[in-house]
Amino acid sequence: MNNVVILPILIPLIAGLVMVIFRKSILLQRLLSIFVIFALGAVSITLMNQIKNEGIQTLQAGGWEAPFGISLVADMFAAILLLTTSIVALFCLIFAFSTIGREREEHYFYPLFLFLITGVNGSFLTGDLFNLFVCFEVMLISSYVLISLGGTKPQLRESIKYILINVISSSLFLLAIAYLYAITGTLNLADLSLRVAEAGQDGLMTTVSLLFLIVFGMKAALFLFFWLPGSYSAPPTAIAAIFAALLTKVGIYAIFRLFTLVFYHEPQITHLLIGILGAITMVLGAIGAIAYWDIKKILTYNVVVGVGFIIAGLASFTSMGMMGSIYYLIHDMIIKALIFLLGGTIIHLTGTSKLKDISGLIRNHPYLGWMFFIAALSLSGIPPLSGFLGKVFITRGTFETGYFWLGAMGLITSLLVLYSIMKIFMNSFWGETYLSKEMEKGKVNRSIMVPIAGLTFITIALGLGAEGIHEYIQLATDSMMNPNLYIDSVLGRNPIR
């Protein structure tokens, strides 16, 4: 039992509640937010080292033994995502300091930001389905306010769509939980894994698993992504970046957790369907990305493509494919935050998101231009940047399973992603310079450039230094591919399969 496991949930929750009291003290809220994010990063690194040396870390709240109490579980997969969340949150927070606006800051932006992180971290750490639902709701309620904070017409219009789709998915989530509890009598993930294995994943159980796939697919923008392009393009850049980096990834995490720990007995049905949905998501997302000439639309459709590609590794259900998905998931969280911050900065400078009205920014902003170029190559999986290794492993995993069509779809859509992002680069930065520095709508100061430069450095480092994190990725893969490791840590017994 390890009390450190609860800190990624408690720290931002308590700090957010304290900030609500000091609504007008903007400097205090900024400093406390930065301190909290650094603390979360330190706790995540501590957990990763403990897991590496001692195995999966658990905490049974109130001393109640699993499966009767509330279990918090930190395996290497969850710990890696906690650290990546802290990194993304740090740079988006710094970017927000000079872009989010005083009015939003005074209307609880920083507490809401930390409550969002609380829900995300809780989703990664919870060991039972009901508390996964609770953490989802904490995250979503915070996002409801953040997406509408400021009250512009596009925000209010898109927030209605965003809230409606999530209310529907949350209702289906409760329905799926009720069915599963009626069948098994438990909601603890480790205990569920045992009971489903003992009873067998029959037709009814597989149907319930597909209901969960629909629920988490809606939240992750897997196939049912019609709500995402508008919702993620409406809020300010810092909020859109944290949404793109984190929110769909929580849905992806839930799919990975359930279909490697609980519903893994009929992969010819469940995982094949996951692969088909992943392929459709990649293709439709890529078509949307190349069809538009609007920066916001192109970037949001690229979020959709990334979801499909990550899911392809799970569909292969091989160690190689799973390792690729974990590599690519880390990369995607970093690069989506970066590309949204870059896109938002271009719009900040020019006052428009329409590519045909922008040209020649490279002359006045060369550093911004070349960082966008690096981000474009990384997003497309060009070596030696961070997206390359994950794409290689996922493709190999799909080929090992015999899903050649899925691997080929991933490679084709990667080319379309490269085209869509380079379209932004070529139209925004090359050509005749329409605006002088004096005529530009906004200014680029250090507080904007520092987070962009930091994320650019990380995406380069993840590519060149992939060997440095390989051991942690391997441990995460092993825990995902061997459910007994998770079950033993939570229940403290050796299950017979």
Protein backbone atom coordinates (compact mmCIF):
# COMPACT_ATOMS: atom_id res chain seq x y z
CA MET A 1 0.00 0.00 0.00
CA ASN A 2 1.45 3.36 -1.04
CA ASN A 3 -0.03 6.71 0.02
CA VAL A 4 1.84 8.49 -2.80
CA VAL A 5 -0.72 7.04 -5.24
CA ILE A 6 -3.45 9.42 -4.07
CA LEU A 7 -1.34 12.59 -4.31
CA PRO A 8 -1.92 13.24 -8.06
CA ILE A 9 -5.62 13.52 -7.21
CA LEU A 10 -5.44 15.32 -3.86
CA ILE A 11 -2.86 17.98 -4.74
CA PRO A 12 -4.72 19.69 -7.64
CA LEU A 13 -8.10 19.19 -5.95
CA ILE A 14 -7.09 20.91 -2.70
CA ALA A 15 -5.17 23.65 -4.54
CA GLY A 16 -8.17 24.32 -6.78
CA LEU A 17 -10.48 24.66 -3.77
CA VAL A 18 -8.06 27.09 -2.13
CA MET A 19 -7.88 29.17 -5.32
CA VAL A 20 -11.66 29.60 -5.40
CA ILE A 21 -11.36 31.62 -2.20
CA PHE A 22 -8.71 33.93 -3.69
CA ARG A 23 -10.55 34.77 -6.88
CA LYS A 24 -9.05 38.25 -7.33
CA SER A 25 -5.45 37.26 -6.44
CA ILE A 26 -4.31 36.42 -9.96
CA LEU A 27 -0.59 36.37 -9.17
CA LEU A 28 -1.17 33.98 -6.27
CA GLN A 29 -3.26 31.70 -8.50
CA ARG A 30 -0.58 31.67 -11.19
CA LEU A 31 2.22 30.86 -8.74
CA LEU A 32 0.20 28.19 -6.95
CA SER A 33 -0.82 26.59 -10.27
CA ILE A 34 2.79 26.34 -11.41
CA PHE A 35 3.83 24.92 -8.03
CA VAL A 36 1.06 22.31 -8.20
CA ILE A 37 2.04 21.18 -11.69
CA PHE A 38 5.70 20.83 -10.69
CA ALA A 39 4.61 18.86 -7.62
CA LEU A 40 2.53 16.54 -9.81
CA GLY A 41 5.53 15.98 -12.07
CA ALA A 42 7.72 15.12 -9.07
CA VAL A 43 5.09 12.70 -7.70
CA SER A 44 4.76 11.05 -11.12
CA ILE A 45 8.51 10.49 -11.37
CA THR A 46 8.54 9.08 -7.82
CA LEU A 47 5.75 6.67 -8.74
CA MET A 48 7.54 5.57 -11.91
CA ASN A 49 10.68 4.74 -9.96
CA GLN A 50 8.72 2.89 -7.27
CA ILE A 51 6.89 0.85 -9.91
CA LYS A 52 10.17 0.07 -11.64
CA ASN A 53 11.79 -1.15 -8.41
CA GLU A 54 8.86 -2.59 -6.46
CA GLY A 55 6.11 -3.32 -8.96
CA ILE A 56 2.60 -1.89 -9.37
CA GLN A 57 1.63 0.46 -6.53
CA THR A 58 -1.83 0.31 -4.91
CA LEU A 59 -3.81 2.12 -2.24
CA GLN A 60 -6.98 0.76 -0.65
CA ALA A 61 -8.86 3.81 0.62
CA GLY A 62 -9.98 3.62 4.25
CA GLY A 63 -8.18 0.31 4.75
CA TRP A 64 -10.96 -1.65 3.03
CA GLU A 65 -9.52 -4.59 1.14
CA ALA A 66 -10.23 -4.93 -2.56
CA PRO A 67 -12.70 -5.51 -4.09
CA PHE A 68 -14.91 -4.08 -1.31
CA GLY A 69 -13.36 -0.61 -1.00
CA ILE A 70 -12.05 2.07 -3.31
CA SER A 71 -8.84 0.97 -5.01
CA LEU A 72 -6.28 3.32 -6.53
CA VAL A 73 -3.76 1.59 -8.77
CA ALA A 74 -0.64 3.00 -10.39
CA ASP A 75 0.99 0.74 -12.95
CA MET A 76 3.66 2.00 -15.30
CA PHE A 77 1.14 2.85 -18.04
CA ALA A 78 -0.82 5.12 -15.69
CA ALA A 79 2.35 6.68 -14.20
CA ILE A 80 3.74 7.55 -17.64
CA LEU A 81 0.46 9.26 -18.54
CA LEU A 82 0.50 11.16 -15.23
CA LEU A 83 3.96 12.54 -16.03
CA THR A 84 3.01 13.42 -19.60
CA THR A 85 -0.12 15.17 -18.32
CA SER A 86 2.01 17.28 -15.97
CA ILE A 87 4.35 18.28 -18.79
CA VAL A 88 1.53 19.29 -21.11
CA ALA A 89 -0.33 21.12 -18.34
CA LEU A 90 2.79 23.10 -17.40
CA PHE A 91 3.37 24.52 -20.89
CA CYS A 92 -0.31 25.20 -21.58
CA LEU A 93 -0.51 27.01 -18.25
CA ILE A 94 2.49 29.21 -19.05
CA PHE A 95 0.98 29.99 -22.45
CA ALA A 96 -2.29 30.95 -20.77
CA PHE A 97 -0.63 33.58 -18.56
CA SER A 98 -0.37 36.09 -21.40
CA THR A 99 -3.21 34.93 -23.66
CA ILE A 100 -6.20 33.82 -21.60
CA GLY A 101 -7.22 37.33 -20.49
CA ARG A 102 -7.85 38.96 -17.13
CA GLU A 103 -11.61 38.39 -17.24
CA ARG A 104 -11.27 34.62 -17.59
CA GLU A 105 -8.57 34.56 -14.92
CA GLU A 106 -10.92 36.28 -12.48
CA HIS A 107 -13.71 33.84 -13.32
CA TYR A 108 -11.96 30.77 -11.93
CA PHE A 109 -9.83 29.71 -14.91
CA TYR A 110 -7.01 28.39 -12.72
CA PRO A 111 -9.21 26.41 -10.27
CA LEU A 112 -11.09 24.91 -13.21
CA PHE A 113 -7.81 24.03 -14.89
CA LEU A 114 -6.68 22.15 -11.77
CA PHE A 115 -10.06 20.44 -11.35
CA LEU A 116 -9.71 19.23 -14.95
CA ILE A 117 -6.27 17.80 -14.11
CA THR A 118 -7.79 16.19 -11.00
CA GLY A 119 -10.33 14.35 -13.14
CA VAL A 120 -7.72 13.29 -15.68
CA ASN A 121 -5.33 11.97 -13.03
CA GLY A 122 -8.15 10.23 -11.18
CA SER A 123 -9.21 8.46 -14.37
CA PHE A 124 -5.69 7.12 -14.83
CA LEU A 125 -5.41 5.90 -11.23
CA THR A 126 -8.83 4.55 -10.28
CA GLY A 127 -9.17 0.80 -9.93
CA ASP A 128 -12.95 0.46 -10.31
CA LEU A 129 -15.48 1.45 -12.93
CA PHE A 130 -17.78 3.58 -10.79
CA ASN A 131 -14.97 5.84 -9.67
CA LEU A 132 -13.81 5.99 -13.27
CA PHE A 133 -17.25 7.44 -14.01
CA VAL A 134 -16.87 9.92 -11.13
CA CYS A 135 -13.45 11.07 -12.35
CA PHE A 136 -14.78 11.40 -15.89
CA GLU A 137 -17.52 13.67 -14.58
CA VAL A 138 -15.09 15.83 -12.59
CA MET A 139 -13.06 16.27 -15.76
CA LEU A 140 -16.09 16.90 -17.95
CA ILE A 141 -17.82 19.40 -15.64
CA SER A 142 -14.60 21.42 -15.54
CA SER A 143 -14.35 21.24 -19.32
CA TYR A 144 -17.99 22.39 -19.70
CA VAL A 145 -17.16 25.64 -17.93
CA LEU A 146 -13.79 26.08 -19.62
CA ILE A 147 -15.21 25.63 -23.12
CA SER A 148 -17.82 28.34 -22.49
CA LEU A 149 -15.68 30.65 -20.34
CA GLY A 150 -15.77 34.05 -22.02
CA GLY A 151 -19.25 33.66 -23.47
CA THR A 152 -18.55 34.29 -27.16
CA LYS A 153 -21.19 33.07 -29.61
CA PRO A 154 -19.03 30.28 -31.11
CA GLN A 155 -18.19 29.04 -27.62
CA LEU A 156 -21.80 28.94 -26.48
CA ARG A 157 -22.94 27.27 -29.70
CA GLU A 158 -20.28 24.57 -29.59
CA SER A 159 -20.56 24.08 -25.83
CA ILE A 160 -24.18 22.98 -26.24
CA LYS A 161 -23.12 20.29 -28.71
CA TYR A 162 -20.17 19.27 -26.52
CA ILE A 163 -22.25 19.02 -23.35
CA LEU A 164 -25.07 17.13 -25.11
CA ILE A 165 -22.78 14.43 -26.53
CA ASN A 166 -21.07 13.94 -23.18
CA VAL A 167 -24.34 13.78 -21.25
CA ILE A 168 -25.51 11.05 -23.64
CA SER A 169 -22.24 9.13 -23.31
CA SER A 170 -22.31 9.47 -19.50
CA SER A 171 -25.85 8.09 -19.43
CA LEU A 172 -24.76 5.12 -21.53
CA PHE A 173 -21.75 4.72 -19.23
CA LEU A 174 -24.04 4.32 -16.21
CA LEU A 175 -26.21 1.87 -18.16
CA ALA A 176 -23.17 -0.23 -19.08
CA ILE A 177 -21.97 -0.19 -15.46
CA ALA A 178 -25.41 -1.35 -14.27
CA TYR A 179 -25.48 -4.25 -16.74
CA LEU A 180 -21.96 -5.34 -15.85
CA TYR A 181 -22.66 -5.17 -12.11
CA ALA A 182 -25.85 -7.19 -12.56
CA ILE A 183 -23.88 -9.90 -14.35
CA THR A 184 -20.73 -10.03 -12.22
CA GLY A 185 -21.62 -8.43 -8.86
CA THR A 186 -18.48 -6.28 -8.82
CA LEU A 187 -17.05 -3.13 -10.38
CA ASN A 188 -13.43 -3.49 -9.21
CA LEU A 189 -11.37 -3.89 -12.38
CA ALA A 190 -9.10 -6.63 -11.00
CA ASP A 191 -12.04 -8.59 -9.62
CA LEU A 192 -13.95 -8.06 -12.87
CA SER A 193 -11.02 -9.55 -14.77
CA LEU A 194 -11.16 -12.67 -12.60
CA ARG A 195 -14.93 -13.10 -12.79
CA VAL A 196 -15.15 -12.59 -16.54
CA ALA A 197 -12.32 -15.10 -17.01
CA GLU A 198 -14.04 -17.64 -14.74
CA ALA A 199 -17.52 -17.23 -16.24
CA GLY A 200 -16.32 -16.84 -19.81
CA GLN A 201 -16.91 -13.91 -22.13
CA ASP A 202 -20.15 -15.15 -23.64
CA GLY A 203 -22.44 -13.30 -26.02
CA LEU A 204 -24.05 -11.17 -23.31
CA MET A 205 -20.69 -10.17 -21.84
CA THR A 206 -19.35 -9.31 -25.28
CA THR A 207 -22.44 -7.16 -25.91
CA VAL A 208 -21.79 -5.27 -22.65
CA SER A 209 -18.15 -4.82 -23.70
CA LEU A 210 -19.30 -3.28 -26.99
CA LEU A 211 -21.55 -0.89 -25.04
CA PHE A 212 -18.46 0.25 -23.12
CA LEU A 213 -16.65 0.62 -26.44
CA ILE A 214 -19.42 2.94 -27.68
CA VAL A 215 -19.26 4.98 -24.46
CA PHE A 216 -15.50 5.45 -24.45
CA GLY A 217 -15.43 5.75 -28.23
CA MET A 218 -17.73 8.78 -27.97
CA LYS A 219 -15.49 10.33 -25.33
CA ALA A 220 -12.32 9.55 -27.27
CA ALA A 221 -13.74 10.69 -30.64
CA LEU A 222 -13.35 7.18 -32.04
CA PHE A 223 -15.57 7.10 -35.15
CA LEU A 224 -18.27 9.24 -33.44
CA PHE A 225 -16.23 12.44 -33.65
CA PHE A 226 -18.68 14.86 -35.29
CA TRP A 227 -18.74 16.99 -32.12
CA LEU A 228 -14.96 17.46 -31.84
CA PRO A 229 -13.93 19.82 -34.68
CA GLY A 230 -16.28 22.59 -33.59
CA SER A 231 -15.87 22.06 -29.85
CA TYR A 232 -12.06 22.14 -29.89
CA SER A 233 -11.86 25.16 -32.20
CA ALA A 234 -14.18 27.40 -30.15
CA PRO A 235 -12.30 28.08 -26.87
CA PRO A 236 -9.08 30.13 -26.48
CA THR A 237 -5.82 28.54 -27.58
CA ALA A 238 -4.56 27.44 -24.17
CA ILE A 239 -7.85 25.67 -23.40
CA ALA A 240 -8.09 24.10 -26.86
CA ALA A 241 -4.51 22.82 -26.50
CA ILE A 242 -5.15 21.14 -23.15
CA PHE A 243 -8.37 19.64 -24.52
CA ALA A 244 -6.60 18.28 -27.61
CA ALA A 245 -3.76 16.87 -25.54
CA LEU A 246 -5.72 15.26 -22.70
CA LEU A 247 -9.47 14.80 -23.03
CA THR A 248 -9.64 12.27 -25.87
CA LYS A 249 -6.64 10.47 -24.33
CA VAL A 250 -8.63 9.68 -21.18
CA GLY A 251 -11.21 7.90 -23.34
CA ILE A 252 -8.41 6.05 -25.13
CA TYR A 253 -6.90 5.05 -21.78
CA ALA A 254 -10.25 3.62 -20.63
CA ILE A 255 -10.56 1.56 -23.82
CA PHE A 256 -7.04 0.21 -23.36
CA ARG A 257 -7.64 -0.62 -19.71
CA LEU A 258 -10.90 -2.49 -20.24
CA PHE A 259 -9.92 -4.37 -23.37
CA THR A 260 -6.58 -5.57 -22.01
CA LEU A 261 -7.68 -6.31 -18.44
CA VAL A 262 -11.35 -7.35 -18.59
CA PHE A 263 -12.67 -7.92 -22.13
CA TYR A 264 -9.74 -9.58 -23.89
CA HIS A 265 -11.14 -13.09 -24.37
CA GLU A 266 -12.85 -12.57 -27.75
CA PRO A 267 -10.35 -10.46 -29.72
CA GLN A 268 -11.69 -11.81 -33.01
CA ILE A 269 -14.84 -9.79 -32.23
CA THR A 270 -13.93 -6.92 -29.92
CA HIS A 271 -10.44 -6.09 -31.13
CA LEU A 272 -11.33 -6.57 -34.78
CA LEU A 273 -14.18 -4.10 -34.34
CA ILE A 274 -11.78 -1.72 -32.57
CA GLY A 275 -9.45 -2.00 -35.57
CA ILE A 276 -12.25 -1.29 -38.03
CA LEU A 277 -13.37 1.76 -36.05
CA GLY A 278 -9.76 2.93 -35.83
CA ALA A 279 -9.33 2.66 -39.59
CA ILE A 280 -12.56 4.54 -40.31
CA THR A 281 -11.57 7.23 -37.80
CA MET A 282 -8.16 7.69 -39.45
CA VAL A 283 -9.60 7.93 -42.94
CA LEU A 284 -12.44 10.33 -42.11
CA GLY A 285 -10.17 12.47 -39.93
CA ALA A 286 -7.55 12.68 -42.68
CA ILE A 287 -10.18 13.62 -45.29
CA GLY A 288 -11.39 16.41 -43.01
CA ALA A 289 -7.83 17.64 -42.43
CA ILE A 290 -7.00 17.94 -46.13
CA ALA A 291 -10.41 19.33 -47.12
CA TYR A 292 -10.33 22.53 -45.05
CA TRP A 293 -8.35 25.74 -45.48
CA ASP A 294 -8.91 26.85 -41.92
CA ILE A 295 -6.15 26.35 -39.33
CA LYS A 296 -8.51 25.42 -36.50
CA LYS A 297 -10.36 22.83 -38.56
CA ILE A 298 -7.18 21.24 -39.88
CA LEU A 299 -5.72 20.88 -36.40
CA THR A 300 -8.90 19.48 -34.85
CA TYR A 301 -9.28 16.86 -37.56
CA ASN A 302 -5.68 15.83 -36.92
CA VAL A 303 -6.70 15.09 -33.33
CA VAL A 304 -9.18 12.59 -34.79
CA VAL A 305 -6.52 10.93 -36.95
CA GLY A 306 -4.27 10.47 -33.90
CA VAL A 307 -7.06 8.70 -32.01
CA GLY A 308 -7.51 6.18 -34.79
CA PHE A 309 -3.80 5.48 -35.05
CA ILE A 310 -3.32 4.89 -31.31
CA ILE A 311 -6.29 2.52 -31.27
CA ALA A 312 -4.74 0.51 -34.14
CA GLY A 313 -2.01 -0.72 -31.78
CA LEU A 314 -4.63 -2.06 -29.35
CA ALA A 315 -6.49 -3.73 -32.22
CA SER A 316 -3.35 -5.70 -33.10
CA PHE A 317 -3.24 -6.98 -29.48
CA THR A 318 0.46 -7.77 -29.73
CA SER A 319 3.34 -6.62 -27.53
CA MET A 320 4.82 -4.76 -30.48
CA GLY A 321 1.58 -2.97 -31.30
CA MET A 322 0.88 -2.15 -27.65
CA MET A 323 4.37 -0.74 -27.18
CA GLY A 324 3.88 1.39 -30.29
CA SER A 325 0.57 2.70 -28.95
CA ILE A 326 2.16 3.76 -25.65
CA TYR A 327 5.05 5.47 -27.45
CA TYR A 328 2.63 7.17 -29.81
CA LEU A 329 0.22 8.15 -27.02
CA ILE A 330 2.99 10.03 -25.20
CA HIS A 331 4.04 11.65 -28.47
CA ASP A 332 0.48 12.57 -29.38
CA MET A 333 -0.21 14.30 -26.06
CA ILE A 334 2.94 16.42 -26.46
CA ILE A 335 2.59 17.18 -30.17
CA LYS A 336 -1.12 18.03 -30.07
CA ALA A 337 -0.49 20.59 -27.34
CA LEU A 338 2.41 22.00 -29.37
CA ILE A 339 0.62 22.18 -32.71
CA PHE A 340 -2.43 23.85 -31.14
CA LEU A 341 -0.24 26.44 -29.41
CA LEU A 342 1.53 27.11 -32.71
CA GLY A 343 -1.72 27.38 -34.63
CA GLY A 344 -3.19 29.67 -31.99
CA THR A 345 -0.10 31.89 -32.15
CA ILE A 346 -0.46 32.25 -35.93
CA ILE A 347 -4.08 33.29 -35.46
CA HIS A 348 -3.03 35.64 -32.65
CA LEU A 349 -0.55 37.35 -34.98
CA THR A 350 -2.77 37.67 -38.03
CA GLY A 351 -6.27 37.90 -36.56
CA THR A 352 -7.58 35.16 -38.85
CA SER A 353 -7.57 31.37 -39.14
CA LYS A 354 -8.14 31.35 -42.92
CA LEU A 355 -5.01 30.18 -44.70
CA LYS A 356 -5.73 32.14 -47.86
CA ASP A 357 -5.53 35.38 -45.87
CA ILE A 358 -2.11 34.60 -44.32
CA SER A 359 1.31 34.71 -45.94
CA GLY A 360 5.00 35.34 -45.32
CA LEU A 361 5.20 35.09 -41.52
CA ILE A 362 8.64 33.46 -41.72
CA ARG A 363 10.28 36.83 -42.44
CA ASN A 364 9.17 38.40 -39.17
CA HIS A 365 8.98 35.21 -37.10
CA PRO A 366 11.63 32.72 -38.29
CA TYR A 367 11.83 30.83 -34.97
CA LEU A 368 8.10 30.34 -34.91
CA GLY A 369 8.16 29.12 -38.51
CA TRP A 370 10.89 26.55 -38.03
CA MET A 371 9.36 25.26 -34.82
CA PHE A 372 6.12 24.77 -36.72
CA PHE A 373 8.09 22.89 -39.40
CA ILE A 374 9.60 20.57 -36.76
CA ALA A 375 6.16 20.01 -35.22
CA ALA A 376 4.71 19.19 -38.65
CA LEU A 377 7.38 16.56 -39.30
CA SER A 378 6.95 15.08 -35.81
CA LEU A 379 3.17 14.91 -36.16
CA SER A 380 3.60 13.02 -39.43
CA GLY A 381 6.03 10.52 -37.93
CA ILE A 382 9.14 11.59 -39.84
CA PRO A 383 12.36 10.21 -38.27
CA PRO A 384 14.09 10.91 -35.96
CA LEU A 385 11.27 12.83 -34.23
CA SER A 386 8.95 11.43 -31.56
CA GLY A 387 6.14 10.18 -33.80
CA PHE A 388 8.34 7.85 -35.85
CA LEU A 389 9.02 5.03 -33.40
CA GLY A 390 5.41 4.66 -32.31
CA LYS A 391 4.23 4.45 -35.91
CA VAL A 392 6.83 1.81 -36.73
CA PHE A 393 5.86 -0.40 -33.79
CA ILE A 394 2.11 0.00 -34.39
CA THR A 395 2.52 -0.86 -38.07
CA ARG A 396 4.62 -3.92 -37.22
CA GLY A 397 2.03 -4.98 -34.66
CA THR A 398 -0.81 -4.81 -37.17
CA PHE A 399 1.25 -6.77 -39.70
CA GLU A 400 2.05 -9.46 -37.10
CA THR A 401 -1.67 -9.94 -36.44
CA GLY A 402 -2.43 -10.09 -40.15
CA TYR A 403 -4.25 -6.75 -40.21
CA PHE A 404 -2.28 -5.52 -43.21
CA TRP A 405 -5.17 -3.30 -44.23
CA LEU A 406 -5.02 -1.50 -40.88
CA GLY A 407 -1.27 -0.92 -41.04
CA ALA A 408 -1.53 0.29 -44.62
CA MET A 409 -4.33 2.65 -43.66
CA GLY A 410 -2.13 4.13 -40.97
CA LEU A 411 0.72 4.76 -43.41
CA ILE A 412 -1.54 6.34 -46.03
CA THR A 413 -3.22 8.65 -43.54
CA SER A 414 0.23 9.67 -42.24
CA LEU A 415 0.96 11.08 -45.68
CA LEU A 416 -2.35 12.94 -45.66
CA VAL A 417 -1.54 14.35 -42.21
CA LEU A 418 1.81 15.57 -43.53
CA TYR A 419 0.06 17.23 -46.47
CA SER A 420 -2.52 18.94 -44.25
CA ILE A 421 0.05 20.32 -41.80
CA MET A 422 2.52 21.37 -44.48
CA LYS A 423 -0.39 23.19 -46.13
CA ILE A 424 -0.53 25.40 -43.03
CA PHE A 425 3.24 25.87 -43.04
CA MET A 426 3.54 26.73 -46.73
CA ASN A 427 0.59 29.11 -46.78
CA SER A 428 1.29 30.82 -43.45
CA PHE A 429 5.05 31.21 -43.49
CA TRP A 430 6.13 31.28 -47.16
CA GLY A 431 5.14 33.76 -49.82
CA GLU A 432 4.79 37.52 -49.78
CA THR A 433 4.77 39.21 -46.36
CA TYR A 434 1.41 40.98 -46.08
CA LEU A 435 1.90 42.35 -42.58
CA SER A 436 4.85 44.16 -41.06
CA LYS A 437 5.52 43.69 -37.35
CA GLU A 438 3.77 46.99 -36.68
CA MET A 439 0.65 45.93 -38.61
CA GLU A 440 0.25 42.53 -36.95
CA LYS A 441 -2.83 42.05 -34.81
CA GLY A 442 -0.92 40.57 -31.85
CA LYS A 443 2.59 40.40 -30.49
CA VAL A 444 4.70 37.36 -29.70
CA ASN A 445 6.35 37.77 -26.31
CA ARG A 446 8.55 35.47 -24.29
CA SER A 447 5.69 33.92 -22.32
CA ILE A 448 4.23 32.70 -25.62
CA MET A 449 7.48 31.47 -27.14
CA VAL A 450 8.84 29.66 -24.06
CA PRO A 451 6.12 26.95 -23.89
CA ILE A 452 6.27 26.46 -27.67
CA ALA A 453 10.06 26.10 -27.57
CA GLY A 454 9.83 23.76 -24.57
CA LEU A 455 7.38 21.39 -26.26
CA THR A 456 9.43 21.51 -29.49
CA PHE A 457 12.52 20.48 -27.54
CA ILE A 458 10.61 17.61 -25.89
CA THR A 459 9.32 16.21 -29.19
CA ILE A 460 12.90 16.22 -30.53
CA ALA A 461 14.24 14.67 -27.31
CA LEU A 462 11.58 11.92 -27.32
CA GLY A 463 12.69 10.95 -30.81
CA LEU A 464 16.43 11.11 -30.33
CA GLY A 465 16.34 9.77 -26.78
CA ALA A 466 13.69 7.09 -27.16
CA GLU A 467 16.09 4.48 -25.81
CA GLY A 468 16.15 6.33 -22.49
CA ILE A 469 12.45 5.68 -21.84
CA HIS A 470 12.30 2.25 -23.48
CA GLU A 471 12.59 0.38 -20.17
CA TYR A 472 9.56 2.22 -18.78
CA ILE A 473 7.57 1.64 -21.97
CA GLN A 474 8.46 -2.06 -21.82
CA LEU A 475 7.23 -2.32 -18.24
CA ALA A 476 4.00 -0.57 -19.22
CA THR A 477 3.55 -2.97 -22.12
CA ASP A 478 4.18 -6.01 -19.93
CA SER A 479 1.55 -4.90 -17.39
CA MET A 480 -0.99 -4.35 -20.16
CA MET A 481 -0.32 -7.69 -21.86
CA ASN A 482 -0.25 -9.69 -18.60
CA PRO A 483 -3.41 -8.97 -16.54
CA ASN A 484 -2.13 -11.19 -13.71
CA LEU A 485 0.38 -8.50 -12.72
CA TYR A 486 -2.44 -6.01 -12.15
CA ILE A 487 -4.69 -8.53 -10.39
CA ASP A 488 -1.97 -9.75 -8.04
CA SER A 489 -1.12 -6.19 -7.00
CA VAL A 490 -4.73 -5.20 -6.30
CA LEU A 491 -6.16 -8.39 -4.79
CA GLY A 492 -2.97 -9.76 -3.27
CA ARG A 493 -3.48 -13.27 -4.58
CA ASN A 494 -2.36 -15.47 -7.41
CA PRO A 495 -5.30 -16.10 -9.71
CA ILE A 496 -5.53 -19.33 -11.64
CA ARG A 497 -6.52 -18.89 -15.24
